[in-house]
C-alpha atoms as a PDB file:
ATOM      1  CA  MET A   1     108.324 190.311 155.386  1.00  0.00           C
ATOM      2  CA  ILE A   2     108.938 186.639 154.557  1.00  0.00           C
ATOM      3  CA  TRP A   3     110.248 187.590 151.129  1.00  0.00           C
ATOM      4  CA  PHE A   4     112.691 190.048 152.742  1.00  0.00           C
ATOM      5  CA  GLN A   5     113.974 187.414 155.178  1.00  0.00           C
ATOM      6  CA  ARG A   6     114.546 184.946 152.364  1.00  0.00           C
ATOM      7  CA  LYS A   7     116.435 187.575 150.419  1.00  0.00           C
ATOM      8  CA  GLN A   8     118.679 188.290 153.408  1.00  0.00           C
ATOM      9  CA  ALA A   9     119.314 184.562 153.885  1.00  0.00           C
ATOM     10  CA  ARG A  10     120.324 184.165 150.233  1.00  0.00           C
ATOM     11  CA  ARG A  11     122.764 187.057 150.534  1.00  0.00           C
ATOM     12  CA  ALA A  12     124.294 185.534 153.664  1.00  0.00           C
ATOM     13  CA  LEU A  13     124.763 182.163 151.976  1.00  0.00           C
ATOM     14  CA  LEU A  14     126.352 183.769 148.936  1.00  0.00           C
ATOM     15  CA  SER A  15     128.740 185.734 151.157  1.00  0.00           C
ATOM     16  CA  VAL A  16     129.798 182.637 153.093  1.00  0.00           C
ATOM     17  CA  GLY A  17     130.301 180.678 149.879  1.00  0.00           C
ATOM     18  CA  ALA A  18     132.395 183.454 148.381  1.00  0.00           C
ATOM     19  CA  LEU A  19     134.592 183.578 151.493  1.00  0.00           C
ATOM     20  CA  ILE A  20     135.157 179.805 151.402  1.00  0.00           C
ATOM     21  CA  VAL A  21     136.167 179.883 147.733  1.00  0.00           C
ATOM     22  CA  LEU A  22     138.459 182.871 148.312  1.00  0.00           C
ATOM     23  CA  ALA A  23     140.148 181.178 151.279  1.00  0.00           C
ATOM     24  CA  ALA A  24     140.709 177.990 149.265  1.00  0.00           C
ATOM     25  CA  LEU A  25     142.253 179.919 146.371  1.00  0.00           C
ATOM     26  CA  LEU A  26     144.561 181.804 148.739  1.00  0.00           C
ATOM     27  CA  LEU A  27     145.697 178.718 150.660  1.00  0.00           C
ATOM     28  CA  LEU A  28     146.297 176.486 147.644  1.00  0.00           C
ATOM     29  CA  PRO A  29     149.461 178.264 146.429  1.00  0.00           C
ATOM     30  CA  ALA A  30     150.766 178.212 149.994  1.00  0.00           C
ATOM     31  CA  ALA A  31     150.656 174.416 150.243  1.00  0.00           C
ATOM     32  CA  PRO A  32     154.179 173.858 148.837  1.00  0.00           C
ATOM     33  CA  ALA A  33     155.540 176.491 151.214  1.00  0.00           C
ATOM     34  CA  LEU A  34     153.901 174.747 154.159  1.00  0.00           C
ATOM     35  CA  ALA A  35     155.768 171.599 153.144  1.00  0.00           C
ATOM     36  CA  GLN A  36     159.137 173.242 153.652  1.00  0.00           C
ATOM     37  CA  ASP A  37     159.199 172.534 157.372  1.00  0.00           C
ATOM     38  CA  GLY A  38     159.992 168.967 156.345  1.00  0.00           C
ATOM     39  CA  THR A  39     157.669 167.058 158.625  1.00  0.00           C
ATOM     40  CA  THR A  40     154.485 168.084 156.788  1.00  0.00           C
ATOM     41  CA  PRO A  41     155.303 167.027 153.218  1.00  0.00           C
ATOM     42  CA  SER A  42     153.054 167.874 150.308  1.00  0.00           C
ATOM     43  CA  ALA A  43     152.482 166.055 147.042  1.00  0.00           C
ATOM     44  CA  LEU A  44     152.267 169.550 145.502  1.00  0.00           C
ATOM     45  CA  ASP A  45     155.998 169.999 146.149  1.00  0.00           C
ATOM     46  CA  PRO A  46     157.435 167.092 144.092  1.00  0.00           C
ATOM     47  CA  ARG A  47     161.141 166.258 144.266  1.00  0.00           C
ATOM     48  CA  GLY A  48     161.319 163.273 141.936  1.00  0.00           C
ATOM     49  CA  ASP A  49     160.246 161.953 138.537  1.00  0.00           C
ATOM     50  CA  ASN A  50     157.452 159.828 139.969  1.00  0.00           C
ATOM     51  CA  SER A  51     155.920 162.529 142.125  1.00  0.00           C
ATOM     52  CA  SER A  52     156.283 165.179 139.400  1.00  0.00           C
ATOM     53  CA  ALA A  53     154.068 163.164 137.056  1.00  0.00           C
ATOM     54  CA  ILE A  54     151.448 162.803 139.787  1.00  0.00           C
ATOM     55  CA  ALA A  55     151.589 166.505 140.683  1.00  0.00           C
ATOM     56  CA  THR A  56     151.223 167.501 137.024  1.00  0.00           C
ATOM     57  CA  LEU A  57     148.111 165.354 136.643  1.00  0.00           C
ATOM     58  CA  PHE A  58     146.677 166.835 139.836  1.00  0.00           C
ATOM     59  CA  ALA A  59     147.290 170.378 138.577  1.00  0.00           C
ATOM     60  CA  VAL A  60     145.545 169.671 135.260  1.00  0.00           C
ATOM     61  CA  VAL A  61     142.547 168.044 136.967  1.00  0.00           C
ATOM     62  CA  LEU A  62     142.335 170.942 139.422  1.00  0.00           C
ATOM     63  CA  ALA A  63     142.460 173.508 136.600  1.00  0.00           C
ATOM     64  CA  ILE A  64     139.638 171.760 134.734  1.00  0.00           C
ATOM     65  CA  ALA A  65     137.611 171.507 137.945  1.00  0.00           C
ATOM     66  CA  VAL A  66     138.100 175.218 138.655  1.00  0.00           C
ATOM     67  CA  VAL A  67     136.952 176.171 135.138  1.00  0.00           C
ATOM     68  CA  VAL A  68     133.860 173.959 135.443  1.00  0.00           C
ATOM     69  CA  PHE A  69     133.121 175.347 138.910  1.00  0.00           C
ATOM     70  CA  VAL A  70     133.420 178.960 137.768  1.00  0.00           C
ATOM     71  CA  ILE A  71     131.186 178.391 134.726  1.00  0.00           C
ATOM     72  CA  VAL A  72     128.486 176.468 136.603  1.00  0.00           C
ATOM     73  CA  GLU A  73     128.424 178.711 139.655  1.00  0.00           C
ATOM     74  CA  GLY A  74     128.662 181.813 137.473  1.00  0.00           C
ATOM     75  CA  LEU A  75     125.608 180.756 135.477  1.00  0.00           C
ATOM     76  CA  LEU A  76     123.803 179.900 138.700  1.00  0.00           C
ATOM     77  CA  LEU A  77     124.500 183.300 140.247  1.00  0.00           C
ATOM     78  CA  TRP A  78     123.676 185.114 136.998  1.00  0.00           C
ATOM     79  CA  SER A  79     120.360 183.234 136.728  1.00  0.00           C
ATOM     80  CA  ALA A  80     119.491 183.983 140.348  1.00  0.00           C
ATOM     81  CA  TRP A  81     120.171 187.683 139.752  1.00  0.00           C
ATOM     82  CA  ARG A  82     118.665 187.937 136.266  1.00  0.00           C
ATOM     83  CA  PHE A  83     115.401 186.244 137.198  1.00  0.00           C
ATOM     84  CA  ARG A  84     115.101 187.482 140.763  1.00  0.00           C
ATOM     85  CA  HIS A  85     111.719 188.442 142.141  1.00  0.00           C
ATOM     86  CA  ARG A  86     110.874 192.122 141.833  1.00  0.00           C
ATOM     87  CA  PRO A  87     108.246 194.079 143.791  1.00  0.00           C
ATOM     88  CA  THR A  88     106.486 194.923 140.511  1.00  0.00           C
ATOM     89  CA  ASP A  89     106.145 191.280 139.477  1.00  0.00           C
ATOM     90  CA  THR A  90     102.530 190.179 139.729  1.00  0.00           C
ATOM     91  CA  ASP A  91     102.192 187.534 137.049  1.00  0.00           C
ATOM     92  CA  GLU A  92     103.460 183.973 137.322  1.00  0.00           C
ATOM     93  CA  PRO A  93     106.763 183.556 135.415  1.00  0.00           C
ATOM     94  CA  LYS A  94     106.672 181.842 132.048  1.00  0.00           C
ATOM     95  CA  GLN A  95     106.895 178.084 132.553  1.00  0.00           C
ATOM     96  CA  ILE A  96     109.544 176.254 130.522  1.00  0.00           C
ATOM     97  CA  HIS A  97     109.647 172.465 130.283  1.00  0.00           C
ATOM     98  CA  GLY A  98     112.869 171.117 128.789  1.00  0.00           C
ATOM     99  CA  ASN A  99     115.506 172.596 126.505  1.00  0.00           C
ATOM    100  CA  THR A 100     116.921 170.150 123.993  1.00  0.00           C
ATOM    101  CA  ARG A 101     120.002 172.203 123.132  1.00  0.00           C
ATOM    102  CA  ALA A 102     120.921 172.779 126.764  1.00  0.00           C
ATOM    103  CA  GLU A 103     120.404 169.117 127.627  1.00  0.00           C
ATOM    104  CA  ILE A 104     122.623 167.981 124.748  1.00  0.00           C
ATOM    105  CA  ALA A 105     125.292 170.496 125.761  1.00  0.00           C
ATOM    106  CA  TRP A 106     125.416 169.497 129.423  1.00  0.00           C
ATOM    107  CA  THR A 107     125.602 165.831 128.425  1.00  0.00           C
ATOM    108  CA  ILE A 108     128.319 166.117 125.774  1.00  0.00           C
ATOM    109  CA  ALA A 109     130.542 168.558 127.693  1.00  0.00           C
ATOM    110  CA  PRO A 110     131.002 166.337 130.786  1.00  0.00           C
ATOM    111  CA  ALA A 111     131.565 163.310 128.536  1.00  0.00           C
ATOM    112  CA  ILE A 112     134.383 165.144 126.734  1.00  0.00           C
ATOM    113  CA  ILE A 113     135.919 166.164 130.070  1.00  0.00           C
ATOM    114  CA  VAL A 114     135.804 162.567 131.343  1.00  0.00           C
ATOM    115  CA  VAL A 115     137.512 161.296 128.170  1.00  0.00           C
ATOM    116  CA  VAL A 116     140.248 163.944 128.462  1.00  0.00           C
ATOM    117  CA  LEU A 117     140.859 163.070 132.121  1.00  0.00           C
ATOM    118  CA  PHE A 118     140.962 159.358 131.279  1.00  0.00           C
ATOM    119  CA  VAL A 119     143.614 159.918 128.601  1.00  0.00           C
ATOM    120  CA  LEU A 120     145.709 162.105 130.920  1.00  0.00           C
ATOM    121  CA  ALA A 121     145.462 159.570 133.750  1.00  0.00           C
ATOM    122  CA  LEU A 122     146.444 156.750 131.384  1.00  0.00           C
ATOM    123  CA  GLN A 123     149.487 158.698 130.183  1.00  0.00           C
ATOM    124  CA  THR A 124     150.521 159.358 133.781  1.00  0.00           C
ATOM    125  CA  GLN A 125     150.160 155.673 134.655  1.00  0.00           C
ATOM    126  CA  GLN A 126     152.356 154.745 131.687  1.00  0.00           C
ATOM    127  CA  THR A 127     154.948 157.234 132.918  1.00  0.00           C
ATOM    128  CA  LEU A 128     154.904 155.665 136.376  1.00  0.00           C
ATOM    129  CA  ASP A 129     155.256 152.171 134.896  1.00  0.00           C
ATOM    130  CA  ALA A 130     158.196 153.106 132.662  1.00  0.00           C
ATOM    131  CA  LYS A 131     161.423 153.341 134.690  1.00  0.00           C
ATOM    132  CA  PRO A 132     163.789 155.984 133.265  1.00  0.00           C
ATOM    133  CA  ALA A 133     166.938 153.839 133.586  1.00  0.00           C
ATOM    134  CA  PRO A 134     168.232 150.420 132.484  1.00  0.00           C
ATOM    135  CA  PRO A 135     168.119 147.590 135.069  1.00  0.00           C
ATOM    136  CA  SER A 136     171.901 147.712 135.463  1.00  0.00           C
ATOM    137  CA  ASP A 137     171.639 151.256 136.833  1.00  0.00           C
ATOM    138  CA  GLN A 138     168.902 150.578 139.383  1.00  0.00           C
ATOM    139  CA  LEU A 139     168.904 149.865 143.106  1.00  0.00           C
ATOM    140  CA  THR A 140     166.463 147.420 144.704  1.00  0.00           C
ATOM    141  CA  VAL A 141     165.151 147.856 148.249  1.00  0.00           C
ATOM    142  CA  LYS A 142     162.659 145.606 150.000  1.00  0.00           C
ATOM    143  CA  VAL A 143     160.229 147.682 152.080  1.00  0.00           C
ATOM    144  CA  ILE A 144     158.602 145.673 154.873  1.00  0.00           C
ATOM    145  CA  GLY A 145     155.767 147.080 156.969  1.00  0.00           C
ATOM    146  CA  HIS A 146     155.419 146.184 160.652  1.00  0.00           C
ATOM    147  CA  GLN A 147     153.130 147.479 163.381  1.00  0.00           C
ATOM    148  CA  PHE A 148     154.209 150.287 163.558  1.00  0.00           C
ATOM    149  CA  TRP A 149     157.536 150.797 161.762  1.00  0.00           C
ATOM    150  CA  TRP A 150     159.202 150.248 158.401  1.00  0.00           C
ATOM    151  CA  GLU A 151     162.064 147.854 157.708  1.00  0.00           C
ATOM    152  CA  TYR A 152     164.385 148.135 154.700  1.00  0.00           C
ATOM    153  CA  GLU A 153     166.482 145.392 153.148  1.00  0.00           C
ATOM    154  CA  TYR A 154     169.137 146.025 150.490  1.00  0.00           C
ATOM    155  CA  PRO A 155     169.644 142.563 148.921  1.00  0.00           C
ATOM    156  CA  ASP A 156     172.474 143.758 146.667  1.00  0.00           C
ATOM    157  CA  TYR A 157     174.489 144.904 149.692  1.00  0.00           C
ATOM    158  CA  GLY A 158     173.395 142.522 152.445  1.00  0.00           C
ATOM    159  CA  ILE A 159     172.036 145.385 154.575  1.00  0.00           C
ATOM    160  CA  LEU A 160     169.000 145.196 156.851  1.00  0.00           C
ATOM    161  CA  THR A 161     167.958 148.395 158.609  1.00  0.00           C
ATOM    162  CA  ALA A 162     164.902 150.280 159.851  1.00  0.00           C
ATOM    163  CA  THR A 163     163.310 153.735 160.092  1.00  0.00           C
ATOM    164  CA  ASP A 164     165.595 155.519 157.588  1.00  0.00           C
ATOM    165  CA  LEU A 165     165.476 154.576 153.904  1.00  0.00           C
ATOM    166  CA  VAL A 166     168.788 155.810 152.493  1.00  0.00           C
ATOM    167  CA  ILE A 167     169.104 156.130 148.705  1.00  0.00           C
ATOM    168  CA  PRO A 168     171.429 157.868 146.215  1.00  0.00           C
ATOM    169  CA  ALA A 169     170.272 160.946 144.321  1.00  0.00           C
ATOM    170  CA  GLY A 170     169.630 160.582 140.608  1.00  0.00           C
ATOM    171  CA  LYS A 171     169.249 156.797 140.686  1.00  0.00           C
ATOM    172  CA  VAL A 172     166.121 154.723 140.129  1.00  0.00           C
ATOM    173  CA  VAL A 173     165.256 152.783 143.273  1.00  0.00           C
ATOM    174  CA  ASN A 174     162.963 149.780 142.850  1.00  0.00           C
ATOM    175  CA  LEU A 175     160.740 149.257 145.871  1.00  0.00           C
ATOM    176  CA  GLU A 176     159.436 145.765 146.627  1.00  0.00           C
ATOM    177  CA  ILE A 177     156.759 146.522 149.202  1.00  0.00           C
ATOM    178  CA  THR A 178     155.194 143.956 151.523  1.00  0.00           C
ATOM    179  CA  SER A 179     153.966 143.547 155.096  1.00  0.00           C
ATOM    180  CA  ILE A 180     154.725 141.154 157.915  1.00  0.00           C
ATOM    181  CA  ASP A 181     151.400 141.510 159.751  1.00  0.00           C
ATOM    182  CA  VAL A 182     148.493 143.696 158.534  1.00  0.00           C
ATOM    183  CA  ILE A 183     147.876 145.941 155.529  1.00  0.00           C
ATOM    184  CA  HIS A 184     149.987 149.107 155.459  1.00  0.00           C
ATOM    185  CA  SER A 185     150.598 151.697 152.733  1.00  0.00           C
ATOM    186  CA  PHE A 186     153.993 153.226 151.917  1.00  0.00           C
ATOM    187  CA  TRP A 187     153.779 156.879 150.883  1.00  0.00           C
ATOM    188  CA  ILE A 188     156.435 159.574 150.566  1.00  0.00           C
ATOM    189  CA  PRO A 189     154.353 162.449 149.092  1.00  0.00           C
ATOM    190  CA  GLN A 190     157.297 164.329 147.592  1.00  0.00           C
ATOM    191  CA  LEU A 191     158.757 161.218 145.944  1.00  0.00           C
ATOM    192  CA  ASN A 192     156.022 158.720 145.063  1.00  0.00           C
ATOM    193  CA  GLY A 193     152.363 157.812 145.180  1.00  0.00           C
ATOM    194  CA  LYS A 194     150.791 155.456 147.694  1.00  0.00           C
ATOM    195  CA  THR A 195     151.570 151.756 147.409  1.00  0.00           C
ATOM    196  CA  ASP A 196     149.788 149.268 149.662  1.00  0.00           C
ATOM    197  CA  ALA A 197     151.782 146.693 151.612  1.00  0.00           C
ATOM    198  CA  PHE A 198     149.993 143.332 151.903  1.00  0.00           C
ATOM    199  CA  PRO A 199     151.103 140.278 153.889  1.00  0.00           C
ATOM    200  CA  ASN A 200     152.412 137.444 151.667  1.00  0.00           C
ATOM    201  CA  ARG A 201     152.359 139.655 148.578  1.00  0.00           C
ATOM    202  CA  ILE A 202     154.825 142.025 146.931  1.00  0.00           C
ATOM    203  CA  ASN A 203     153.712 145.284 145.299  1.00  0.00           C
ATOM    204  CA  ARG A 204     156.312 147.049 143.207  1.00  0.00           C
ATOM    205  CA  SER A 205     156.958 150.747 142.819  1.00  0.00           C
ATOM    206  CA  TRP A 206     159.945 152.988 142.211  1.00  0.00           C
ATOM    207  CA  ILE A 207     161.314 156.369 143.189  1.00  0.00           C
ATOM    208  CA  LYS A 208     164.016 158.644 141.845  1.00  0.00           C
ATOM    209  CA  ALA A 209     165.005 161.697 143.859  1.00  0.00           C
ATOM    210  CA  ASP A 210     166.348 164.729 142.035  1.00  0.00           C
ATOM    211  CA  GLN A 211     168.706 165.963 144.730  1.00  0.00           C
ATOM    212  CA  PRO A 212     169.974 165.155 148.244  1.00  0.00           C
ATOM    213  CA  GLY A 213     167.671 165.887 151.152  1.00  0.00           C
ATOM    214  CA  THR A 214     165.405 164.362 153.770  1.00  0.00           C
ATOM    215  CA  PHE A 215     161.818 163.526 152.904  1.00  0.00           C
ATOM    216  CA  TYR A 216     159.070 162.373 155.224  1.00  0.00           C
ATOM    217  CA  GLY A 217     156.162 160.033 154.702  1.00  0.00           C
ATOM    218  CA  GLN A 218     153.358 158.295 156.508  1.00  0.00           C
ATOM    219  CA  CYS A 219     151.615 154.946 156.522  1.00  0.00           C
ATOM    220  CA  ALA A 220     148.466 155.672 154.517  1.00  0.00           C
ATOM    221  CA  GLU A 221     146.379 152.656 155.553  1.00  0.00           C
ATOM    222  CA  LEU A 222     144.729 152.379 158.968  1.00  0.00           C
ATOM    223  CA  CYS A 223     146.723 149.591 160.618  1.00  0.00           C
ATOM    224  CA  GLY A 224     146.097 149.829 164.360  1.00  0.00           C
ATOM    225  CA  PRO A 225     146.193 152.145 167.386  1.00  0.00           C
ATOM    226  CA  SER A 226     149.526 153.742 166.407  1.00  0.00           C
ATOM    227  CA  HIS A 227     148.799 154.084 162.696  1.00  0.00           C
ATOM    228  CA  ALA A 228     149.349 157.846 162.927  1.00  0.00           C
ATOM    229  CA  ASN A 229     152.724 157.172 164.568  1.00  0.00           C
ATOM    230  CA  MET A 230     153.984 154.972 161.733  1.00  0.00           C
ATOM    231  CA  ARG A 231     156.146 157.352 159.794  1.00  0.00           C
ATOM    232  CA  ALA A 232     158.787 156.926 157.129  1.00  0.00           C
ATOM    233  CA  VAL A 233     161.983 158.856 156.510  1.00  0.00           C
ATOM    234  CA  VAL A 234     163.840 158.861 153.188  1.00  0.00           C
ATOM    235  CA  ILE A 235     167.363 160.271 153.258  1.00  0.00           C
ATOM    236  CA  VAL A 236     168.764 161.051 149.817  1.00  0.00           C
ATOM    237  CA  LYS A 237     172.560 161.259 149.654  1.00  0.00           C
ATOM    238  CA  THR A 238     175.025 162.014 146.901  1.00  0.00           C
ATOM    239  CA  PRO A 239     176.394 158.862 145.214  1.00  0.00           C
ATOM    240  CA  ALA A 240     179.695 159.208 147.098  1.00  0.00           C
ATOM    241  CA  GLU A 241     177.932 159.674 150.434  1.00  0.00           C
ATOM    242  CA  PHE A 242     175.699 156.698 149.701  1.00  0.00           C
ATOM    243  CA  ASP A 243     178.714 154.482 148.971  1.00  0.00           C
ATOM    244  CA  ALA A 244     180.248 155.553 152.285  1.00  0.00           C
ATOM    245  CA  TRP A 245     176.974 154.781 154.081  1.00  0.00           C
ATOM    246  CA  VAL A 246     176.857 151.312 152.511  1.00  0.00           C
ATOM    247  CA  ALA A 247     180.415 150.585 153.636  1.00  0.00           C
ATOM    248  CA  ALA A 248     179.605 151.713 157.186  1.00  0.00           C
ATOM    249  CA  GLN A 249     176.436 149.606 157.319  1.00  0.00           C
ATOM    250  CA  GLN A 250     178.249 146.518 156.056  1.00  0.00           C
ATOM    251  CA  ALA A 251     180.916 146.802 158.743  1.00  0.00           C
ATOM    252  CA  VAL A 252     180.456 144.522 161.754  1.00  0.00           C
ATOM    253  CA  PRO A 253     180.662 146.380 165.075  1.00  0.00           C
ATOM    254  CA  GLY A 254     183.820 145.585 166.991  1.00  0.00           C
ATOM    255  CA  PRO A 255     183.999 144.535 170.633  1.00  0.00           C
ATOM    256  CA  ALA A 256     182.242 146.943 172.953  1.00  0.00           C
ATOM    257  CA  ALA A 257     184.476 149.543 174.547  1.00  0.00           C
ATOM    258  CA  ALA A 258     184.991 149.383 178.295  1.00  0.00           C
ATOM    259  CA  ASP A 259     182.623 152.276 178.977  1.00  0.00           C
ATOM    260  CA  VAL A 260     179.716 150.522 177.217  1.00  0.00           C
ATOM    261  CA  ALA A 261     180.538 146.886 178.033  1.00  0.00           C
ATOM    262  CA  THR A 262     177.983 146.885 180.850  1.00  0.00           C
ATOM    263  CA  GLY A 263     175.252 147.928 178.429  1.00  0.00           C
ATOM    264  CA  GLU A 264     176.253 145.203 175.982  1.00  0.00           C
ATOM    265  CA  GLN A 265     176.025 142.650 178.789  1.00  0.00           C
ATOM    266  CA  VAL A 266     172.549 143.893 179.752  1.00  0.00           C
ATOM    267  CA  PHE A 267     171.486 143.689 176.103  1.00  0.00           C
ATOM    268  CA  LEU A 268     172.832 140.180 175.480  1.00  0.00           C
ATOM    269  CA  SER A 269     171.719 138.676 178.780  1.00  0.00           C
ATOM    270  CA  GLY A 270     168.187 140.071 178.803  1.00  0.00           C
ATOM    271  CA  ALA A 271     165.060 139.818 176.685  1.00  0.00           C
ATOM    272  CA  CYS A 272     166.425 142.186 174.010  1.00  0.00           C
ATOM    273  CA  ILE A 273     168.044 139.416 171.958  1.00  0.00           C
ATOM    274  CA  GLY A 274     164.704 137.644 171.600  1.00  0.00           C
ATOM    275  CA  CYS A 275     163.502 140.347 169.206  1.00  0.00           C
ATOM    276  CA  HIS A 276     166.516 142.346 168.031  1.00  0.00           C
ATOM    277  CA  GLN A 277     169.626 141.675 166.006  1.00  0.00           C
ATOM    278  CA  VAL A 278     173.122 143.125 166.263  1.00  0.00           C
ATOM    279  CA  ASN A 279     175.538 141.713 163.694  1.00  0.00           C
ATOM    280  CA  GLY A 280     178.609 140.083 165.159  1.00  0.00           C
ATOM    281  CA  THR A 281     176.895 139.216 168.458  1.00  0.00           C
ATOM    282  CA  ALA A 282     174.617 136.501 169.795  1.00  0.00           C
ATOM    283  CA  ALA A 283     171.598 138.757 169.177  1.00  0.00           C
ATOM    284  CA  VAL A 284     169.831 137.367 166.104  1.00  0.00           C
ATOM    285  CA  GLY A 285     166.179 138.260 166.774  1.00  0.00           C
ATOM    286  CA  LYS A 286     163.930 138.955 163.793  1.00  0.00           C
ATOM    287  CA  VAL A 287     160.806 140.418 165.406  1.00  0.00           C
ATOM    288  CA  GLY A 288     162.005 143.962 166.085  1.00  0.00           C
ATOM    289  CA  PRO A 289     164.274 146.340 164.168  1.00  0.00           C
ATOM    290  CA  ASN A 290     167.877 145.389 163.419  1.00  0.00           C
ATOM    291  CA  LEU A 291     169.927 147.512 165.826  1.00  0.00           C
ATOM    292  CA  THR A 292     173.371 146.892 164.307  1.00  0.00           C
ATOM    293  CA  HIS A 293     173.952 150.546 163.418  1.00  0.00           C
ATOM    294  CA  ILE A 294     171.061 152.193 165.256  1.00  0.00           C
ATOM    295  CA  ALA A 295     173.157 155.217 166.250  1.00  0.00           C
ATOM    296  CA  SER A 296     173.554 156.142 162.564  1.00  0.00           C
ATOM    297  CA  ARG A 297     169.807 156.698 162.224  1.00  0.00           C
ATOM    298  CA  THR A 298     167.958 159.963 162.658  1.00  0.00           C
ATOM    299  CA  SER A 299     164.950 158.749 164.633  1.00  0.00           C
ATOM    300  CA  LEU A 300     163.483 155.913 166.666  1.00  0.00           C
ATOM    301  CA  ALA A 301     160.104 154.356 167.506  1.00  0.00           C
ATOM    302  CA  GLY A 302     159.043 154.227 163.872  1.00  0.00           C
ATOM    303  CA  GLY A 303     160.238 157.727 163.022  1.00  0.00           C
ATOM    304  CA  ILE A 304     158.225 159.717 165.584  1.00  0.00           C
ATOM    305  CA  PHE A 305     161.092 160.773 167.885  1.00  0.00           C
ATOM    306  CA  LYS A 306     164.538 162.106 167.111  1.00  0.00           C
ATOM    307  CA  LEU A 307     167.267 159.710 168.155  1.00  0.00           C
ATOM    308  CA  THR A 308     168.632 161.417 171.247  1.00  0.00           C
ATOM    309  CA  GLU A 309     169.867 160.080 174.555  1.00  0.00           C
ATOM    310  CA  GLY A 310     166.821 161.424 176.379  1.00  0.00           C
ATOM    311  CA  ASN A 311     164.289 159.986 173.929  1.00  0.00           C
ATOM    312  CA  LEU A 312     166.027 156.613 173.896  1.00  0.00           C
ATOM    313  CA  LYS A 313     165.900 156.428 177.691  1.00  0.00           C
ATOM    314  CA  ARG A 314     162.206 157.334 177.691  1.00  0.00           C
ATOM    315  CA  TRP A 315     161.544 154.625 175.115  1.00  0.00           C
ATOM    316  CA  LEU A 316     163.389 151.968 177.124  1.00  0.00           C
ATOM    317  CA  LYS A 317     161.533 153.001 180.277  1.00  0.00           C
ATOM    318  CA  ASN A 318     158.103 152.155 178.850  1.00  0.00           C
ATOM    319  CA  PRO A 319     157.504 152.061 175.067  1.00  0.00           C
ATOM    320  CA  ALA A 320     153.708 152.089 175.397  1.00  0.00           C
ATOM    321  CA  ASP A 321     153.826 155.505 177.074  1.00  0.00           C
ATOM    322  CA  LEU A 322     155.308 156.982 173.904  1.00  0.00           C
ATOM    323  CA  LYS A 323     153.609 154.809 171.303  1.00  0.00           C
ATOM    324  CA  PRO A 324     150.236 153.198 172.131  1.00  0.00           C
ATOM    325  CA  GLY A 325     149.929 149.685 170.770  1.00  0.00           C
ATOM    326  CA  SER A 326     153.683 149.183 170.501  1.00  0.00           C
ATOM    327  CA  LEU A 327     154.582 145.496 170.460  1.00  0.00           C
ATOM    328  CA  MET A 328     157.714 146.153 172.506  1.00  0.00           C
ATOM    329  CA  PRO A 329     156.815 145.336 176.124  1.00  0.00           C
ATOM    330  CA  ASN A 330     157.804 147.165 179.273  1.00  0.00           C
ATOM    331  CA  LEU A 331     160.841 145.194 180.477  1.00  0.00           C
ATOM    332  CA  ASN A 332     160.794 146.925 183.880  1.00  0.00           C
ATOM    333  CA  LEU A 333     164.419 147.971 183.512  1.00  0.00           C
ATOM    334  CA  THR A 334     166.119 149.777 186.352  1.00  0.00           C
ATOM    335  CA  ASP A 335     167.493 153.268 185.828  1.00  0.00           C
ATOM    336  CA  SER A 336     171.052 151.935 185.862  1.00  0.00           C
ATOM    337  CA  GLU A 337     170.184 149.308 183.232  1.00  0.00           C
ATOM    338  CA  ILE A 338     168.550 151.955 181.060  1.00  0.00           C
ATOM    339  CA  ASP A 339     171.625 154.187 181.328  1.00  0.00           C
ATOM    340  CA  ALA A 340     173.912 151.293 180.406  1.00  0.00           C
ATOM    341  CA  LEU A 341     171.726 150.162 177.493  1.00  0.00           C
ATOM    342  CA  THR A 342     171.461 153.703 176.159  1.00  0.00           C
ATOM    343  CA  ALA A 343     175.238 154.129 176.186  1.00  0.00           C
ATOM    344  CA  TYR A 344     175.696 150.808 174.373  1.00  0.00           C
ATOM    345  CA  LEU A 345     173.070 151.458 171.697  1.00  0.00           C
ATOM    346  CA  LEU A 346     174.399 154.946 170.981  1.00  0.00           C
ATOM    347  CA  SER A 347     177.833 153.419 170.413  1.00  0.00           C
ATOM    348  CA  LEU A 348     176.498 151.334 167.505  1.00  0.00           C
ATOM    349  CA  LYS A 349     177.234 153.817 164.731  1.00  0.00           C
END
């Protein structure tokens, strides 16, 4: 009876294991398709030179791991079946102590695999270190991590912006990554690998996008209560579109129109200017995002909400309700002040 129960238990475990392996094999090819909704990017769907090298290495390592798994588990299952207990068995099985050939084989084979993986990883690292363009044809962007948003500075163009990293397609973009407060990690799965952002230190990386599009990323280092809400957005434009974007960002906003003048007054006379900057005005704060052309961006609050009138009003009402741990305080604005501020900010295109 006990023998029968053990046999049934072994069959159940084998069935569950087979189902898990089958499910994994079926879901793996679907991973790139799942990334197509945009907000759930996958490193298995590379769209740049950097990410393609990483994805290729991952595929090779996975293939080797699958082969090893199939061989080991196949031998295990074959041994369990070949030497299973039979009702006619009465004698104790022959006892075997050690097998020199087998021990040599299972020592040398893993060593060879480790050496192969080391060489492949080294080649990939060399690819990531070698930028496929001369310095004269590269763009430099400083990536600065804050709790809980990303800031981008284009030193060649005198542009300081936030949330959206805008780059031209087909051009190498050097990333100088740092942090203003705690450790963060900048990661756009479809474009590059993870690069940590440390305070008072610059880590360098680069990306090159194949074609225009919008790519999403995530801070990959636990950095506080809203770590999961610290997202990144990379917008890849054609070279002509990028040049137009640069010209628009460099332009200084003109005097506020009559219909948004009240909002400008609320902004400049309140606590906003202590943290935020709007070029061409008295607002020169450095703590929060530069709001000079905020209306040209796609999202707000560190990339977690689309930039719409409704979301902006909700954010101004009480930032902590939307993003726990946000350093922007509740300014206790009235509804009329929120309406006026929203109209003014959405005019900054």
